[in-house]
PDB file of N, CA and C in Angstrom:
ATOM      1  N   MET A   1     108.870 119.727 120.269  1.00  0.00           N
ATOM      2  CA  MET A   1     107.936 120.197 119.271  1.00  0.00           C
ATOM      3  C   MET A   1     106.565 119.581 119.552  1.00  0.00           C
ATOM      4  N   PRO A   2     105.511 120.401 119.691  1.00  0.00           N
ATOM      5  CA  PRO A   2     104.194 119.846 119.998  1.00  0.00           C
ATOM      6  C   PRO A   2     103.620 119.064 118.830  1.00  0.00           C
ATOM      7  N   LYS A   3     102.910 118.009 119.172  1.00  0.00           N
ATOM      8  CA  LYS A   3     102.277 117.175 118.162  1.00  0.00           C
ATOM      9  C   LYS A   3     101.016 117.868 117.656  1.00  0.00           C
ATOM     10  N   ILE A   4     100.853 117.929 116.338  1.00  0.00           N
ATOM     11  CA  ILE A   4      99.673 118.570 115.754  1.00  0.00           C
ATOM     12  C   ILE A   4      98.508 117.596 115.803  1.00  0.00           C
ATOM     13  N   GLN A   5      97.421 118.029 116.400  1.00  0.00           N
ATOM     14  CA  GLN A   5      96.231 117.200 116.516  1.00  0.00           C
ATOM     15  C   GLN A   5      95.421 117.258 115.215  1.00  0.00           C
ATOM     16  N   PRO A   6      94.819 116.129 114.816  1.00  0.00           N
ATOM     17  CA  PRO A   6      93.939 116.152 113.643  1.00  0.00           C
ATOM     18  C   PRO A   6      92.794 117.139 113.866  1.00  0.00           C
ATOM     19  N   HIS A   7      92.478 117.886 112.832  1.00  0.00           N
ATOM     20  CA  HIS A   7      91.413 118.877 112.910  1.00  0.00           C
ATOM     21  C   HIS A   7      90.795 119.059 111.523  1.00  0.00           C
ATOM     22  N   PRO A   8      89.584 119.612 111.455  1.00  0.00           N
ATOM     23  CA  PRO A   8      88.963 119.849 110.144  1.00  0.00           C
ATOM     24  C   PRO A   8      89.817 120.801 109.306  1.00  0.00           C
ATOM     25  N   LEU A   9      89.801 120.575 107.983  1.00  0.00           N
ATOM     26  CA  LEU A   9      90.557 121.426 107.063  1.00  0.00           C
ATOM     27  C   LEU A   9      89.648 121.943 105.956  1.00  0.00           C
ATOM     28  N   LYS A  10      89.935 123.133 105.486  1.00  0.00           N
ATOM     29  CA  LYS A  10      89.233 123.663 104.322  1.00  0.00           C
ATOM     30  C   LYS A  10      89.735 122.906 103.093  1.00  0.00           C
ATOM     31  N   HIS A  11      88.919 122.916 102.042  1.00  0.00           N
ATOM     32  CA  HIS A  11      89.225 122.152 100.830  1.00  0.00           C
ATOM     33  C   HIS A  11      90.602 122.509 100.272  1.00  0.00           C
ATOM     34  N   ARG A  12      90.892 123.780 100.159  1.00  0.00           N
ATOM     35  CA  ARG A  12      92.178 124.196  99.569  1.00  0.00           C
ATOM     36  C   ARG A  12      93.360 123.761 100.443  1.00  0.00           C
ATOM     37  N   GLU A  13      93.179 123.757 101.776  1.00  0.00           N
ATOM     38  CA  GLU A  13      94.257 123.318 102.674  1.00  0.00           C
ATOM     39  C   GLU A  13      94.490 121.806 102.539  1.00  0.00           C
ATOM     40  N   LEU A  14      93.390 121.053 102.424  1.00  0.00           N
ATOM     41  CA  LEU A  14      93.490 119.605 102.257  1.00  0.00           C
ATOM     42  C   LEU A  14      94.233 119.270 100.966  1.00  0.00           C
ATOM     43  N   LEU A  15      93.877 119.934  99.870  1.00  0.00           N
ATOM     44  CA  LEU A  15      94.540 119.670  98.591  1.00  0.00           C
ATOM     45  C   LEU A  15      96.021 120.021  98.652  1.00  0.00           C
ATOM     46  N   LYS A  16      96.344 121.096  99.320  1.00  0.00           N
ATOM     47  CA  LYS A  16      97.741 121.525  99.442  1.00  0.00           C
ATOM     48  C   LYS A  16      98.565 120.461 100.163  1.00  0.00           C
ATOM     49  N   LYS A  17      98.003 119.895 101.240  1.00  0.00           N
ATOM     50  CA  LYS A  17      98.710 118.858 101.993  1.00  0.00           C
ATOM     51  C   LYS A  17      98.802 117.557 101.187  1.00  0.00           C
ATOM     52  N   LEU A  18      97.714 117.190 100.490  1.00  0.00           N
ATOM     53  CA  LEU A  18      97.706 115.936  99.736  1.00  0.00           C
ATOM     54  C   LEU A  18      98.616 115.993  98.514  1.00  0.00           C
ATOM     55  N   LYS A  19      98.825 117.180  97.981  1.00  0.00           N
ATOM     56  CA  LYS A  19      99.683 117.328  96.804  1.00  0.00           C
ATOM     57  C   LYS A  19     101.093 116.821  97.091  1.00  0.00           C
ATOM     58  N   ASN A  20     101.553 116.975  98.331  1.00  0.00           N
ATOM     59  CA  ASN A  20     102.880 116.496  98.720  1.00  0.00           C
ATOM     60  C   ASN A  20     102.994 114.977  98.622  1.00  0.00           C
ATOM     61  N   PHE A  21     101.862 114.277  98.629  1.00  0.00           N
ATOM     62  CA  PHE A  21     101.850 112.813  98.565  1.00  0.00           C
ATOM     63  C   PHE A  21     101.474 112.303  97.173  1.00  0.00           C
ATOM     64  N   GLY A  22     101.351 113.216  96.200  1.00  0.00           N
ATOM     65  CA  GLY A  22     101.059 112.818  94.824  1.00  0.00           C
ATOM     66  C   GLY A  22      99.582 112.701  94.497  1.00  0.00           C
ATOM     67  N   VAL A  23      98.711 113.205  95.358  1.00  0.00           N
ATOM     68  CA  VAL A  23      97.268 113.140  95.121  1.00  0.00           C
ATOM     69  C   VAL A  23      96.843 114.374  94.331  1.00  0.00           C
ATOM     70  N   ILE A  24      96.033 114.149  93.285  1.00  0.00           N
ATOM     71  CA  ILE A  24      95.537 115.264  92.484  1.00  0.00           C
ATOM     72  C   ILE A  24      94.011 115.281  92.514  1.00  0.00           C
ATOM     73  N   GLU A  25      93.436 116.435  92.195  1.00  0.00           N
ATOM     74  CA  GLU A  25      91.980 116.589  92.164  1.00  0.00           C
ATOM     75  C   GLU A  25      91.531 116.662  90.714  1.00  0.00           C
ATOM     76  N   ILE A  26      90.474 115.921  90.399  1.00  0.00           N
ATOM     77  CA  ILE A  26      89.878 115.956  89.069  1.00  0.00           C
ATOM     78  C   ILE A  26      88.451 116.471  89.234  1.00  0.00           C
ATOM     79  N   SER A  27      88.172 117.639  88.670  1.00  0.00           N
ATOM     80  CA  SER A  27      86.847 118.243  88.854  1.00  0.00           C
ATOM     81  C   SER A  27      85.824 117.706  87.868  1.00  0.00           C
ATOM     82  N   THR A  28      86.259 117.054  86.800  1.00  0.00           N
ATOM     83  CA  THR A  28      85.327 116.601  85.774  1.00  0.00           C
ATOM     84  C   THR A  28      84.797 115.191  86.006  1.00  0.00           C
ATOM     85  N   LYS A  29      85.355 114.448  86.954  1.00  0.00           N
ATOM     86  CA  LYS A  29      84.937 113.056  87.148  1.00  0.00           C
ATOM     87  C   LYS A  29      83.884 112.866  88.232  1.00  0.00           C
ATOM     88  N   GLY A  30      83.712 113.812  89.133  1.00  0.00           N
ATOM     89  CA  GLY A  30      82.737 113.651  90.209  1.00  0.00           C
ATOM     90  C   GLY A  30      81.324 113.945  89.730  1.00  0.00           C
ATOM     91  N   LYS A  31      80.352 113.455  90.460  1.00  0.00           N
ATOM     92  CA  LYS A  31      78.954 113.716  90.124  1.00  0.00           C
ATOM     93  C   LYS A  31      78.426 114.862  90.975  1.00  0.00           C
ATOM     94  N   GLY A  32      77.741 115.794  90.342  1.00  0.00           N
ATOM     95  CA  GLY A  32      77.130 116.885  91.089  1.00  0.00           C
ATOM     96  C   GLY A  32      78.146 117.715  91.837  1.00  0.00           C
ATOM     97  N   SER A  33      78.001 117.748  93.150  1.00  0.00           N
ATOM     98  CA  SER A  33      78.880 118.578  93.972  1.00  0.00           C
ATOM     99  C   SER A  33      80.051 117.783  94.533  1.00  0.00           C
ATOM    100  N   GLU A  34      80.526 116.792  93.810  1.00  0.00           N
ATOM    101  CA  GLU A  34      81.656 115.987  94.252  1.00  0.00           C
ATOM    102  C   GLU A  34      82.857 116.203  93.351  1.00  0.00           C
ATOM    103  N   ARG A  35      84.034 116.066  93.939  1.00  0.00           N
ATOM    104  CA  ARG A  35      85.289 116.090  93.195  1.00  0.00           C
ATOM    105  C   ARG A  35      85.990 114.777  93.485  1.00  0.00           C
ATOM    106  N   MET A  36      86.740 114.300  92.498  1.00  0.00           N
ATOM    107  CA  MET A  36      87.491 113.061  92.673  1.00  0.00           C
ATOM    108  C   MET A  36      88.924 113.379  93.047  1.00  0.00           C
ATOM    109  N   LEU A  37      89.408 112.706  94.073  1.00  0.00           N
ATOM    110  CA  LEU A  37      90.819 112.772  94.433  1.00  0.00           C
ATOM    111  C   LEU A  37      91.452 111.472  93.945  1.00  0.00           C
ATOM    112  N   ILE A  38      92.563 111.588  93.249  1.00  0.00           N
ATOM    113  CA  ILE A  38      93.201 110.425  92.641  1.00  0.00           C
ATOM    114  C   ILE A  38      94.685 110.434  92.965  1.00  0.00           C
ATOM    115  N   LEU A  39      95.195 109.271  93.349  1.00  0.00           N
ATOM    116  CA  LEU A  39      96.629 109.088  93.518  1.00  0.00           C
ATOM    117  C   LEU A  39      97.128 108.555  92.190  1.00  0.00           C
ATOM    118  N   LYS A  40      97.656 109.446  91.373  1.00  0.00           N
ATOM    119  CA  LYS A  40      98.041 109.068  90.014  1.00  0.00           C
ATOM    120  C   LYS A  40      99.245 108.154  90.058  1.00  0.00           C
ATOM    121  N   SER A  41      99.093 107.004  89.427  1.00  0.00           N
ATOM    122  CA  SER A  41     100.195 106.046  89.361  1.00  0.00           C
ATOM    123  C   SER A  41     100.321 105.555  87.934  1.00  0.00           C
ATOM    124  N   GLY A  42     101.510 105.352  87.493  1.00  0.00           N
ATOM    125  CA  GLY A  42     101.742 104.895  86.132  1.00  0.00           C
ATOM    126  C   GLY A  42     101.849 106.062  85.168  1.00  0.00           C
ATOM    127  N   MET A  43     102.202 105.744  83.953  1.00  0.00           N
ATOM    128  CA  MET A  43     102.385 106.757  82.921  1.00  0.00           C
ATOM    129  C   MET A  43     101.150 106.802  82.025  1.00  0.00           C
ATOM    130  N   GLY A  44     101.030 107.857  81.259  1.00  0.00           N
ATOM    131  CA  GLY A  44      99.938 107.979  80.311  1.00  0.00           C
ATOM    132  C   GLY A  44      98.932 109.024  80.753  1.00  0.00           C
ATOM    133  N   SER A  45      97.944 109.240  79.905  1.00  0.00           N
ATOM    134  CA  SER A  45      96.960 110.288  80.176  1.00  0.00           C
ATOM    135  C   SER A  45      95.782 109.788  81.005  1.00  0.00           C
ATOM    136  N   LYS A  46      95.600 108.475  81.095  1.00  0.00           N
ATOM    137  CA  LYS A  46      94.496 107.934  81.898  1.00  0.00           C
ATOM    138  C   LYS A  46      94.819 108.059  83.377  1.00  0.00           C
ATOM    139  N   TYR A  47      93.783 108.298  84.160  1.00  0.00           N
ATOM    140  CA  TYR A  47      93.969 108.393  85.605  1.00  0.00           C
ATOM    141  C   TYR A  47      93.813 107.011  86.196  1.00  0.00           C
ATOM    142  N   GLN A  48      94.905 106.492  86.718  1.00  0.00           N
ATOM    143  CA  GLN A  48      94.905 105.169  87.321  1.00  0.00           C
ATOM    144  C   GLN A  48      95.350 105.288  88.755  1.00  0.00           C
ATOM    145  N   GLY A  49      94.918 104.358  89.552  1.00  0.00           N
ATOM    146  CA  GLY A  49      95.303 104.352  90.952  1.00  0.00           C
ATOM    147  C   GLY A  49      94.082 104.550  91.831  1.00  0.00           C
ATOM    148  N   PRO A  50      94.290 104.569  93.144  1.00  0.00           N
ATOM    149  CA  PRO A  50      93.176 104.730  94.084  1.00  0.00           C
ATOM    150  C   PRO A  50      92.465 106.067  93.881  1.00  0.00           C
ATOM    151  N   GLN A  51      91.141 106.044  94.045  1.00  0.00           N
ATOM    152  CA  GLN A  51      90.321 107.245  93.887  1.00  0.00           C
ATOM    153  C   GLN A  51      89.308 107.321  95.014  1.00  0.00           C
ATOM    154  N   ILE A  52      88.890 108.543  95.345  1.00  0.00           N
ATOM    155  CA  ILE A  52      87.835 108.729  96.339  1.00  0.00           C
ATOM    156  C   ILE A  52      87.094 110.033  96.027  1.00  0.00           C
ATOM    157  N   PRO A  53      85.767 109.994  96.038  1.00  0.00           N
ATOM    158  CA  PRO A  53      85.005 111.237  95.833  1.00  0.00           C
ATOM    159  C   PRO A  53      84.814 111.964  97.167  1.00  0.00           C
ATOM    160  N   ILE A  54      84.910 113.298  97.130  1.00  0.00           N
ATOM    161  CA  ILE A  54      84.627 114.099  98.318  1.00  0.00           C
ATOM    162  C   ILE A  54      83.709 115.245  97.923  1.00  0.00           C
ATOM    163  N   LYS A  55      82.916 115.715  98.866  1.00  0.00           N
ATOM    164  CA  LYS A  55      81.995 116.826  98.618  1.00  0.00           C
ATOM    165  C   LYS A  55      82.763 118.111  98.363  1.00  0.00           C
ATOM    166  N   PHE A  56      82.209 118.932  97.476  1.00  0.00           N
ATOM    167  CA  PHE A  56      82.844 120.212  97.153  1.00  0.00           C
ATOM    168  C   PHE A  56      81.754 121.253  96.921  1.00  0.00           C
ATOM    169  N   HIS A  57      81.712 122.254  97.783  1.00  0.00           N
ATOM    170  CA  HIS A  57      80.764 123.357  97.632  1.00  0.00           C
ATOM    171  C   HIS A  57      81.526 124.676  97.636  1.00  0.00           C
ATOM    172  N   GLY A  58      82.690 124.680  96.997  1.00  0.00           N
ATOM    173  CA  GLY A  58      83.527 125.870  96.945  1.00  0.00           C
ATOM    174  C   GLY A  58      84.842 125.634  97.673  1.00  0.00           C
ATOM    175  N   GLU A  59      85.790 126.528  97.433  1.00  0.00           N
ATOM    176  CA  GLU A  59      87.124 126.386  98.021  1.00  0.00           C
ATOM    177  C   GLU A  59      87.102 126.414  99.546  1.00  0.00           C
ATOM    178  N   GLY A  60      86.083 127.040 100.134  1.00  0.00           N
ATOM    179  CA  GLY A  60      86.001 127.140 101.587  1.00  0.00           C
ATOM    180  C   GLY A  60      85.297 125.969 102.254  1.00  0.00           C
ATOM    181  N   THR A  61      84.922 124.952 101.480  1.00  0.00           N
ATOM    182  CA  THR A  61      84.270 123.772 102.050  1.00  0.00           C
ATOM    183  C   THR A  61      85.161 123.163 103.116  1.00  0.00           C
ATOM    184  N   GLU A  62      84.597 122.908 104.295  1.00  0.00           N
ATOM    185  CA  GLU A  62      85.386 122.329 105.375  1.00  0.00           C
ATOM    186  C   GLU A  62      85.137 120.829 105.449  1.00  0.00           C
ATOM    187  N   HIS A  63      86.217 120.071 105.470  1.00  0.00           N
ATOM    188  CA  HIS A  63      86.135 118.611 105.541  1.00  0.00           C
ATOM    189  C   HIS A  63      86.428 118.173 106.975  1.00  0.00           C
ATOM    190  N   SER A  64      85.568 117.321 107.508  1.00  0.00           N
ATOM    191  CA  SER A  64      85.702 116.862 108.894  1.00  0.00           C
ATOM    192  C   SER A  64      86.889 115.910 109.048  1.00  0.00           C
ATOM    193  N   LYS A  65      87.240 115.637 110.301  1.00  0.00           N
ATOM    194  CA  LYS A  65      88.335 114.711 110.587  1.00  0.00           C
ATOM    195  C   LYS A  65      88.025 113.327 110.024  1.00  0.00           C
ATOM    196  N   ARG A  66      86.760 112.931 110.070  1.00  0.00           N
ATOM    197  CA  ARG A  66      86.375 111.604 109.568  1.00  0.00           C
ATOM    198  C   ARG A  66      86.604 111.489 108.067  1.00  0.00           C
ATOM    199  N   VAL A  67      86.269 112.543 107.325  1.00  0.00           N
ATOM    200  CA  VAL A  67      86.489 112.533 105.881  1.00  0.00           C
ATOM    201  C   VAL A  67      87.985 112.482 105.580  1.00  0.00           C
ATOM    202  N   ILE A  68      88.753 113.281 106.304  1.00  0.00           N
ATOM    203  CA  ILE A  68      90.207 113.298 106.106  1.00  0.00           C
ATOM    204  C   ILE A  68      90.812 111.936 106.426  1.00  0.00           C
ATOM    205  N   ASP A  69      90.360 111.297 107.509  1.00  0.00           N
ATOM    206  CA  ASP A  69      90.843 109.954 107.861  1.00  0.00           C
ATOM    207  C   ASP A  69      90.528 108.951 106.753  1.00  0.00           C
ATOM    208  N   SER A  70      89.337 109.067 106.175  1.00  0.00           N
ATOM    209  CA  SER A  70      88.932 108.185 105.088  1.00  0.00           C
ATOM    210  C   SER A  70      89.838 108.363 103.868  1.00  0.00           C
ATOM    211  N   VAL A  71      90.150 109.602 103.539  1.00  0.00           N
ATOM    212  CA  VAL A  71      91.036 109.900 102.407  1.00  0.00           C
ATOM    213  C   VAL A  71      92.429 109.328 102.664  1.00  0.00           C
ATOM    214  N   LEU A  72      92.931 109.500 103.872  1.00  0.00           N
ATOM    215  CA  LEU A  72      94.265 108.991 104.204  1.00  0.00           C
ATOM    216  C   LEU A  72      94.318 107.471 104.118  1.00  0.00           C
ATOM    217  N   ARG A  73      93.260 106.798 104.585  1.00  0.00           N
ATOM    218  CA  ARG A  73      93.211 105.336 104.491  1.00  0.00           C
ATOM    219  C   ARG A  73      93.202 104.894 103.032  1.00  0.00           C
ATOM    220  N   ARG A  74      92.400 105.560 102.207  1.00  0.00           N
ATOM    221  CA  ARG A  74      92.280 105.173 100.793  1.00  0.00           C
ATOM    222  C   ARG A  74      93.623 105.263 100.074  1.00  0.00           C
ATOM    223  N   PHE A  75      94.391 106.314 100.381  1.00  0.00           N
ATOM    224  CA  PHE A  75      95.663 106.520  99.702  1.00  0.00           C
ATOM    225  C   PHE A  75      96.854 105.961 100.479  1.00  0.00           C
ATOM    226  N   ASP A  76      96.569 105.250 101.567  1.00  0.00           N
ATOM    227  CA  ASP A  76      97.609 104.612 102.375  1.00  0.00           C
ATOM    228  C   ASP A  76      98.666 105.610 102.840  1.00  0.00           C
ATOM    229  N   ILE A  77      98.193 106.752 103.354  1.00  0.00           N
ATOM    230  CA  ILE A  77      99.066 107.791 103.893  1.00  0.00           C
ATOM    231  C   ILE A  77      98.998 107.701 105.409  1.00  0.00           C
ATOM    232  N   LYS A  78     100.143 107.636 106.044  1.00  0.00           N
ATOM    233  CA  LYS A  78     100.163 107.554 107.503  1.00  0.00           C
ATOM    234  C   LYS A  78      99.757 108.903 108.092  1.00  0.00           C
ATOM    235  N   PRO A  79      98.803 108.899 109.030  1.00  0.00           N
ATOM    236  CA  PRO A  79      98.339 110.160 109.623  1.00  0.00           C
ATOM    237  C   PRO A  79      99.456 111.003 110.218  1.00  0.00           C
ATOM    238  N   GLU A  80     100.447 110.359 110.855  1.00  0.00           N
ATOM    239  CA  GLU A  80     101.523 111.141 111.458  1.00  0.00           C
ATOM    240  C   GLU A  80     102.347 111.880 110.399  1.00  0.00           C
ATOM    241  N   ASN A  81     102.501 111.278 109.209  1.00  0.00           N
ATOM    242  CA  ASN A  81     103.208 111.960 108.117  1.00  0.00           C
ATOM    243  C   ASN A  81     102.377 113.118 107.566  1.00  0.00           C
ATOM    244  N   PHE A  82     101.075 112.909 107.452  1.00  0.00           N
ATOM    245  CA  PHE A  82     100.183 113.929 106.907  1.00  0.00           C
ATOM    246  C   PHE A  82     100.104 115.149 107.833  1.00  0.00           C
ATOM    247  N   TRP A  83      99.921 114.905 109.122  1.00  0.00           N
ATOM    248  CA  TRP A  83      99.734 116.010 110.065  1.00  0.00           C
ATOM    249  C   TRP A  83     101.043 116.673 110.465  1.00  0.00           C
ATOM    250  N   SER A  84     102.173 116.056 110.184  1.00  0.00           N
ATOM    251  CA  SER A  84     103.450 116.674 110.576  1.00  0.00           C
ATOM    252  C   SER A  84     103.885 117.775 109.610  1.00  0.00           C
ATOM    253  N   ASP A  85     103.303 117.833 108.418  1.00  0.00           N
ATOM    254  CA  ASP A  85     103.670 118.881 107.439  1.00  0.00           C
ATOM    255  C   ASP A  85     103.217 120.236 107.906  1.00  0.00           C
TER     256      ASP A  85
END
């Protein structure tokens, strides 16, 4: 089976992959054209856990490999697990 190389992803594709790891998007917490990605941990209505803002200019926004690597580091997701899905 060939190894999938890291590559830029559209916003909706990134969210779809991150959802498998428990990461959710909050559109009301970012400033301006940013959205917050949060790894929700714990119970309750408050959003707790690691967070990272990413640029959002529509569902077709393309995120570079560097941005994706940064998100994976923040949420402690191994790249090989992320790209193997």
